[in-house]
PDB file of all heavy atoms in Angstrom:
ATOM      1  N   LYS A   1      34.534 -43.314 -74.933  1.00  0.00           N
ATOM      2  CA  LYS A   1      34.058 -44.553 -75.618  1.00  0.00           C
ATOM      3  C   LYS A   1      33.386 -44.280 -76.975  1.00  0.00           C
ATOM      4  O   LYS A   1      32.583 -43.385 -77.038  1.00  0.00           O
ATOM      5  CB  LYS A   1      33.162 -45.314 -74.745  1.00  0.00           C
ATOM      6  CG  LYS A   1      32.928 -46.847 -74.947  1.00  0.00           C
ATOM      7  CD  LYS A   1      32.305 -47.417 -73.844  1.00  0.00           C
ATOM      8  CE  LYS A   1      32.992 -47.454 -72.470  1.00  0.00           C
ATOM      9  NZ  LYS A   1      32.231 -48.163 -71.448  1.00  0.00           N
ATOM     10  N   GLY A   2      33.856 -45.020 -77.927  1.00  0.00           N
ATOM     11  CA  GLY A   2      33.263 -44.869 -79.343  1.00  0.00           C
ATOM     12  C   GLY A   2      33.915 -43.767 -80.165  1.00  0.00           C
ATOM     13  O   GLY A   2      33.692 -43.849 -81.356  1.00  0.00           O
ATOM     14  N   ARG A   3      34.804 -43.011 -79.617  1.00  0.00           N
ATOM     15  CA  ARG A   3      35.592 -41.898 -80.173  1.00  0.00           C
ATOM     16  C   ARG A   3      37.053 -42.216 -80.285  1.00  0.00           C
ATOM     17  O   ARG A   3      37.652 -41.899 -81.252  1.00  0.00           O
ATOM     18  CB  ARG A   3      35.281 -40.594 -79.606  1.00  0.00           C
ATOM     19  CG  ARG A   3      33.922 -40.068 -79.595  1.00  0.00           C
ATOM     20  CD  ARG A   3      33.737 -38.688 -79.151  1.00  0.00           C
ATOM     21  NE  ARG A   3      34.243 -38.459 -77.725  1.00  0.00           N
ATOM     22  CZ  ARG A   3      35.137 -37.637 -77.399  1.00  0.00           C
ATOM     23  NH1 ARG A   3      35.824 -36.881 -78.288  1.00  0.00           N
ATOM     24  NH2 ARG A   3      35.603 -37.493 -76.122  1.00  0.00           N
ATOM     25  N   PHE A   4      37.593 -42.858 -79.188  1.00  0.00           N
ATOM     26  CA  PHE A   4      38.951 -43.126 -79.161  1.00  0.00           C
ATOM     27  C   PHE A   4      39.231 -44.609 -79.323  1.00  0.00           C
ATOM     28  O   PHE A   4      38.459 -45.391 -78.865  1.00  0.00           O
ATOM     29  CB  PHE A   4      39.555 -42.641 -77.781  1.00  0.00           C
ATOM     30  CG  PHE A   4      39.647 -41.198 -77.587  1.00  0.00           C
ATOM     31  CD1 PHE A   4      38.969 -40.283 -78.425  1.00  0.00           C
ATOM     32  CD2 PHE A   4      40.309 -40.676 -76.488  1.00  0.00           C
ATOM     33  CE1 PHE A   4      39.047 -38.843 -78.309  1.00  0.00           C
ATOM     34  CE2 PHE A   4      40.411 -39.172 -76.278  1.00  0.00           C
ATOM     35  CZ  PHE A   4      39.725 -38.356 -77.211  1.00  0.00           C
ATOM     36  N   SER A   5      40.528 -44.923 -79.713  1.00  0.00           N
ATOM     37  CA  SER A   5      40.786 -46.342 -79.906  1.00  0.00           C
ATOM     38  C   SER A   5      42.258 -46.503 -79.535  1.00  0.00           C
ATOM     39  O   SER A   5      43.153 -45.844 -80.062  1.00  0.00           O
ATOM     40  CB  SER A   5      40.590 -46.782 -81.400  1.00  0.00           C
ATOM     41  OG  SER A   5      41.024 -48.086 -81.564  1.00  0.00           O
ATOM     42  N   ILE A   6      42.588 -47.393 -78.636  1.00  0.00           N
ATOM     43  CA  ILE A   6      43.925 -47.795 -78.248  1.00  0.00           C
ATOM     44  C   ILE A   6      44.306 -48.953 -78.928  1.00  0.00           C
ATOM     45  O   ILE A   6      43.518 -49.918 -79.207  1.00  0.00           O
ATOM     46  CB  ILE A   6      44.022 -47.892 -76.661  1.00  0.00           C
ATOM     47  CG1 ILE A   6      45.459 -48.031 -76.257  1.00  0.00           C
ATOM     48  CG2 ILE A   6      43.144 -49.080 -76.248  1.00  0.00           C
ATOM     49  CD1 ILE A   6      45.619 -48.056 -74.747  1.00  0.00           C
ATOM     50  N   SER A   7      45.639 -49.061 -79.299  1.00  0.00           N
ATOM     51  CA  SER A   7      46.184 -50.150 -80.066  1.00  0.00           C
ATOM     52  C   SER A   7      47.728 -50.254 -79.674  1.00  0.00           C
ATOM     53  O   SER A   7      48.318 -49.290 -79.111  1.00  0.00           O
ATOM     54  CB  SER A   7      46.057 -50.049 -81.563  1.00  0.00           C
ATOM     55  OG  SER A   7      46.658 -48.938 -82.104  1.00  0.00           O
ATOM     56  N   ARG A   8      48.301 -51.347 -80.066  1.00  0.00           N
ATOM     57  CA  ARG A   8      49.715 -51.595 -79.753  1.00  0.00           C
ATOM     58  C   ARG A   8      50.346 -52.293 -80.896  1.00  0.00           C
ATOM     59  O   ARG A   8      49.726 -53.116 -81.517  1.00  0.00           O
ATOM     60  CB  ARG A   8      49.859 -52.233 -78.437  1.00  0.00           C
ATOM     61  CG  ARG A   8      49.326 -53.636 -78.331  1.00  0.00           C
ATOM     62  CD  ARG A   8      49.346 -54.223 -76.964  1.00  0.00           C
ATOM     63  NE  ARG A   8      50.560 -54.267 -76.361  1.00  0.00           N
ATOM     64  CZ  ARG A   8      50.866 -54.308 -75.104  1.00  0.00           C
ATOM     65  NH1 ARG A   8      49.864 -54.291 -74.255  1.00  0.00           N
ATOM     66  NH2 ARG A   8      52.104 -54.522 -74.548  1.00  0.00           N
ATOM     67  N   ASP A   9      51.623 -52.094 -80.950  1.00  0.00           N
ATOM     68  CA  ASP A   9      52.514 -52.938 -81.926  1.00  0.00           C
ATOM     69  C   ASP A   9      53.523 -53.439 -81.123  1.00  0.00           C
ATOM     70  O   ASP A   9      54.647 -52.762 -80.774  1.00  0.00           O
ATOM     71  CB  ASP A   9      52.967 -52.080 -83.070  1.00  0.00           C
ATOM     72  CG  ASP A   9      53.793 -52.819 -84.060  1.00  0.00           C
ATOM     73  OD1 ASP A   9      54.301 -53.859 -83.787  1.00  0.00           O
ATOM     74  OD2 ASP A   9      53.847 -52.300 -85.298  1.00  0.00           O
ATOM     75  N   ASN A  10      53.540 -54.686 -80.747  1.00  0.00           N
ATOM     76  CA  ASN A  10      54.582 -55.301 -79.777  1.00  0.00           C
ATOM     77  C   ASN A  10      55.912 -55.497 -80.526  1.00  0.00           C
ATOM     78  O   ASN A  10      56.896 -55.535 -79.838  1.00  0.00           O
ATOM     79  CB  ASN A  10      54.101 -56.681 -79.293  1.00  0.00           C
ATOM     80  CG  ASN A  10      52.904 -56.553 -78.249  1.00  0.00           C
ATOM     81  OD1 ASN A  10      52.785 -55.504 -77.680  1.00  0.00           O
ATOM     82  ND2 ASN A  10      52.119 -57.641 -78.162  1.00  0.00           N
ATOM     83  N   ALA A  11      55.924 -55.527 -81.795  1.00  0.00           N
ATOM     84  CA  ALA A  11      57.118 -55.614 -82.544  1.00  0.00           C
ATOM     85  C   ALA A  11      57.981 -54.419 -82.486  1.00  0.00           C
ATOM     86  O   ALA A  11      59.158 -54.447 -82.593  1.00  0.00           O
ATOM     87  CB  ALA A  11      56.956 -56.125 -83.946  1.00  0.00           C
ATOM     88  N   LYS A  12      57.251 -53.279 -82.359  1.00  0.00           N
ATOM     89  CA  LYS A  12      57.897 -52.042 -82.393  1.00  0.00           C
ATOM     90  C   LYS A  12      57.892 -51.304 -80.992  1.00  0.00           C
ATOM     91  O   LYS A  12      58.347 -50.151 -80.837  1.00  0.00           O
ATOM     92  CB  LYS A  12      57.166 -50.999 -83.416  1.00  0.00           C
ATOM     93  CG  LYS A  12      57.221 -51.407 -84.822  1.00  0.00           C
ATOM     94  CD  LYS A  12      56.586 -50.471 -85.710  1.00  0.00           C
ATOM     95  CE  LYS A  12      56.635 -50.841 -87.144  1.00  0.00           C
ATOM     96  NZ  LYS A  12      55.959 -49.927 -87.993  1.00  0.00           N
ATOM     97  N   ASN A  13      57.382 -52.013 -79.989  1.00  0.00           N
ATOM     98  CA  ASN A  13      57.231 -51.463 -78.697  1.00  0.00           C
ATOM     99  C   ASN A  13      56.498 -50.150 -78.673  1.00  0.00           C
ATOM    100  O   ASN A  13      57.035 -49.113 -78.088  1.00  0.00           O
ATOM    101  CB  ASN A  13      58.580 -51.298 -77.977  1.00  0.00           C
ATOM    102  CG  ASN A  13      59.171 -52.571 -77.507  1.00  0.00           C
ATOM    103  OD1 ASN A  13      58.731 -53.609 -77.809  1.00  0.00           O
ATOM    104  ND2 ASN A  13      60.276 -52.522 -76.720  1.00  0.00           N
ATOM    105  N   MET A  14      55.472 -49.976 -79.342  1.00  0.00           N
ATOM    106  CA  MET A  14      54.610 -48.890 -79.533  1.00  0.00           C
ATOM    107  C   MET A  14      53.218 -49.006 -79.028  1.00  0.00           C
ATOM    108  O   MET A  14      52.656 -50.176 -79.298  1.00  0.00           O
ATOM    109  CB  MET A  14      54.593 -48.341 -80.962  1.00  0.00           C
ATOM    110  CG  MET A  14      56.049 -47.981 -81.545  1.00  0.00           C
ATOM    111  SD  MET A  14      56.685 -46.523 -80.820  1.00  0.00           S
ATOM    112  CE  MET A  14      55.483 -45.238 -81.505  1.00  0.00           C
ATOM    113  N   VAL A  15      52.644 -48.007 -78.462  1.00  0.00           N
ATOM    114  CA  VAL A  15      51.214 -48.014 -78.125  1.00  0.00           C
ATOM    115  C   VAL A  15      50.650 -46.738 -78.789  1.00  0.00           C
ATOM    116  O   VAL A  15      51.385 -45.665 -78.726  1.00  0.00           O
ATOM    117  CB  VAL A  15      50.846 -48.130 -76.730  1.00  0.00           C
ATOM    118  CG1 VAL A  15      51.507 -47.048 -75.847  1.00  0.00           C
ATOM    119  CG2 VAL A  15      49.453 -48.263 -76.327  1.00  0.00           C
ATOM    120  N   TYR A  16      49.413 -46.832 -79.208  1.00  0.00           N
ATOM    121  CA  TYR A  16      48.819 -45.657 -80.020  1.00  0.00           C
ATOM    122  C   TYR A  16      47.457 -45.307 -79.463  1.00  0.00           C
ATOM    123  O   TYR A  16      46.850 -46.142 -78.765  1.00  0.00           O
ATOM    124  CB  TYR A  16      48.593 -46.041 -81.509  1.00  0.00           C
ATOM    125  CG  TYR A  16      49.908 -46.504 -82.189  1.00  0.00           C
ATOM    126  CD1 TYR A  16      50.162 -47.862 -82.341  1.00  0.00           C
ATOM    127  CD2 TYR A  16      50.764 -45.570 -82.633  1.00  0.00           C
ATOM    128  CE1 TYR A  16      51.291 -48.300 -82.915  1.00  0.00           C
ATOM    129  CE2 TYR A  16      52.021 -46.068 -83.178  1.00  0.00           C
ATOM    130  CZ  TYR A  16      52.152 -47.408 -83.375  1.00  0.00           C
ATOM    131  OH  TYR A  16      53.381 -47.773 -83.990  1.00  0.00           O
ATOM    132  N   LEU A  17      47.041 -44.119 -79.599  1.00  0.00           N
ATOM    133  CA  LEU A  17      45.683 -43.699 -79.253  1.00  0.00           C
ATOM    134  C   LEU A  17      45.164 -42.854 -80.438  1.00  0.00           C
ATOM    135  O   LEU A  17      45.617 -41.740 -80.800  1.00  0.00           O
ATOM    136  CB  LEU A  17      45.678 -42.755 -78.076  1.00  0.00           C
ATOM    137  CG  LEU A  17      44.294 -42.449 -77.435  1.00  0.00           C
ATOM    138  CD1 LEU A  17      43.608 -43.555 -76.957  1.00  0.00           C
ATOM    139  CD2 LEU A  17      44.401 -41.235 -76.401  1.00  0.00           C
ATOM    140  N   GLN A  18      44.238 -43.465 -81.189  1.00  0.00           N
ATOM    141  CA  GLN A  18      43.578 -42.801 -82.292  1.00  0.00           C
ATOM    142  C   GLN A  18      42.367 -42.063 -81.629  1.00  0.00           C
ATOM    143  O   GLN A  18      41.558 -42.581 -81.044  1.00  0.00           O
ATOM    144  CB  GLN A  18      43.178 -43.807 -83.271  1.00  0.00           C
ATOM    145  CG  GLN A  18      42.308 -43.163 -84.404  1.00  0.00           C
ATOM    146  CD  GLN A  18      43.137 -42.303 -85.334  1.00  0.00           C
ATOM    147  OE1 GLN A  18      44.258 -42.575 -85.607  1.00  0.00           O
ATOM    148  NE2 GLN A  18      42.575 -41.065 -85.710  1.00  0.00           N
ATOM    149  N   MET A  19      42.338 -40.700 -81.918  1.00  0.00           N
ATOM    150  CA  MET A  19      41.245 -39.846 -81.331  1.00  0.00           C
ATOM    151  C   MET A  19      40.499 -39.330 -82.389  1.00  0.00           C
ATOM    152  O   MET A  19      41.046 -38.566 -83.270  1.00  0.00           O
ATOM    153  CB  MET A  19      41.970 -38.806 -80.396  1.00  0.00           C
ATOM    154  CG  MET A  19      42.793 -39.410 -79.256  1.00  0.00           C
ATOM    155  SD  MET A  19      43.338 -38.093 -78.106  1.00  0.00           S
ATOM    156  CE  MET A  19      44.361 -37.076 -79.276  1.00  0.00           C
ATOM    157  N   ASN A  20      39.151 -39.575 -82.486  1.00  0.00           N
ATOM    158  CA  ASN A  20      38.265 -39.093 -83.461  1.00  0.00           C
ATOM    159  C   ASN A  20      37.153 -38.204 -82.846  1.00  0.00           C
ATOM    160  O   ASN A  20      36.993 -38.294 -81.684  1.00  0.00           O
ATOM    161  CB  ASN A  20      37.730 -40.183 -84.331  1.00  0.00           C
ATOM    162  CG  ASN A  20      38.728 -40.980 -84.994  1.00  0.00           C
ATOM    163  OD1 ASN A  20      39.706 -40.569 -85.497  1.00  0.00           O
ATOM    164  ND2 ASN A  20      38.417 -42.444 -85.108  1.00  0.00           N
ATOM    165  N   SER A  21      36.553 -37.437 -83.634  1.00  0.00           N
ATOM    166  CA  SER A  21      35.461 -36.562 -83.249  1.00  0.00           C
ATOM    167  C   SER A  21      35.807 -35.788 -81.919  1.00  0.00           C
ATOM    168  O   SER A  21      35.106 -35.752 -80.894  1.00  0.00           O
ATOM    169  CB  SER A  21      34.193 -37.492 -82.912  1.00  0.00           C
ATOM    170  OG  SER A  21      33.841 -38.187 -84.038  1.00  0.00           O
ATOM    171  N   LEU A  22      36.920 -35.185 -82.054  1.00  0.00           N
ATOM    172  CA  LEU A  22      37.465 -34.411 -80.821  1.00  0.00           C
ATOM    173  C   LEU A  22      36.661 -33.264 -80.428  1.00  0.00           C
ATOM    174  O   LEU A  22      36.011 -32.614 -81.282  1.00  0.00           O
ATOM    175  CB  LEU A  22      38.908 -33.981 -81.130  1.00  0.00           C
ATOM    176  CG  LEU A  22      39.905 -35.108 -80.962  1.00  0.00           C
ATOM    177  CD1 LEU A  22      41.221 -34.710 -81.735  1.00  0.00           C
ATOM    178  CD2 LEU A  22      40.226 -35.478 -79.501  1.00  0.00           C
ATOM    179  N   LYS A  23      36.533 -33.049 -79.122  1.00  0.00           N
ATOM    180  CA  LYS A  23      35.717 -31.913 -78.521  1.00  0.00           C
ATOM    181  C   LYS A  23      36.635 -31.073 -77.802  1.00  0.00           C
ATOM    182  O   LYS A  23      37.673 -31.443 -77.252  1.00  0.00           O
ATOM    183  CB  LYS A  23      34.665 -32.664 -77.568  1.00  0.00           C
ATOM    184  CG  LYS A  23      33.844 -33.722 -78.178  1.00  0.00           C
ATOM    185  CD  LYS A  23      32.872 -34.276 -77.134  1.00  0.00           C
ATOM    186  CE  LYS A  23      31.997 -35.297 -77.772  1.00  0.00           C
ATOM    187  NZ  LYS A  23      31.104 -35.964 -76.709  1.00  0.00           N
ATOM    188  N   PRO A  24      36.209 -29.893 -77.566  1.00  0.00           N
ATOM    189  CA  PRO A  24      37.083 -28.870 -76.818  1.00  0.00           C
ATOM    190  C   PRO A  24      37.335 -29.413 -75.446  1.00  0.00           C
ATOM    191  O   PRO A  24      38.455 -29.163 -74.897  1.00  0.00           O
ATOM    192  CB  PRO A  24      36.148 -27.603 -76.726  1.00  0.00           C
ATOM    193  CG  PRO A  24      35.456 -27.696 -78.009  1.00  0.00           C
ATOM    194  CD  PRO A  24      35.161 -29.162 -78.281  1.00  0.00           C
TER     195      PRO A  24
END
């Protein structure tokens, strides 16, 4: 929470996961 963001594009049938401040 606060580092990752899920989103979707229904026109393209795509779902994304933006991952920031990654840790080992």
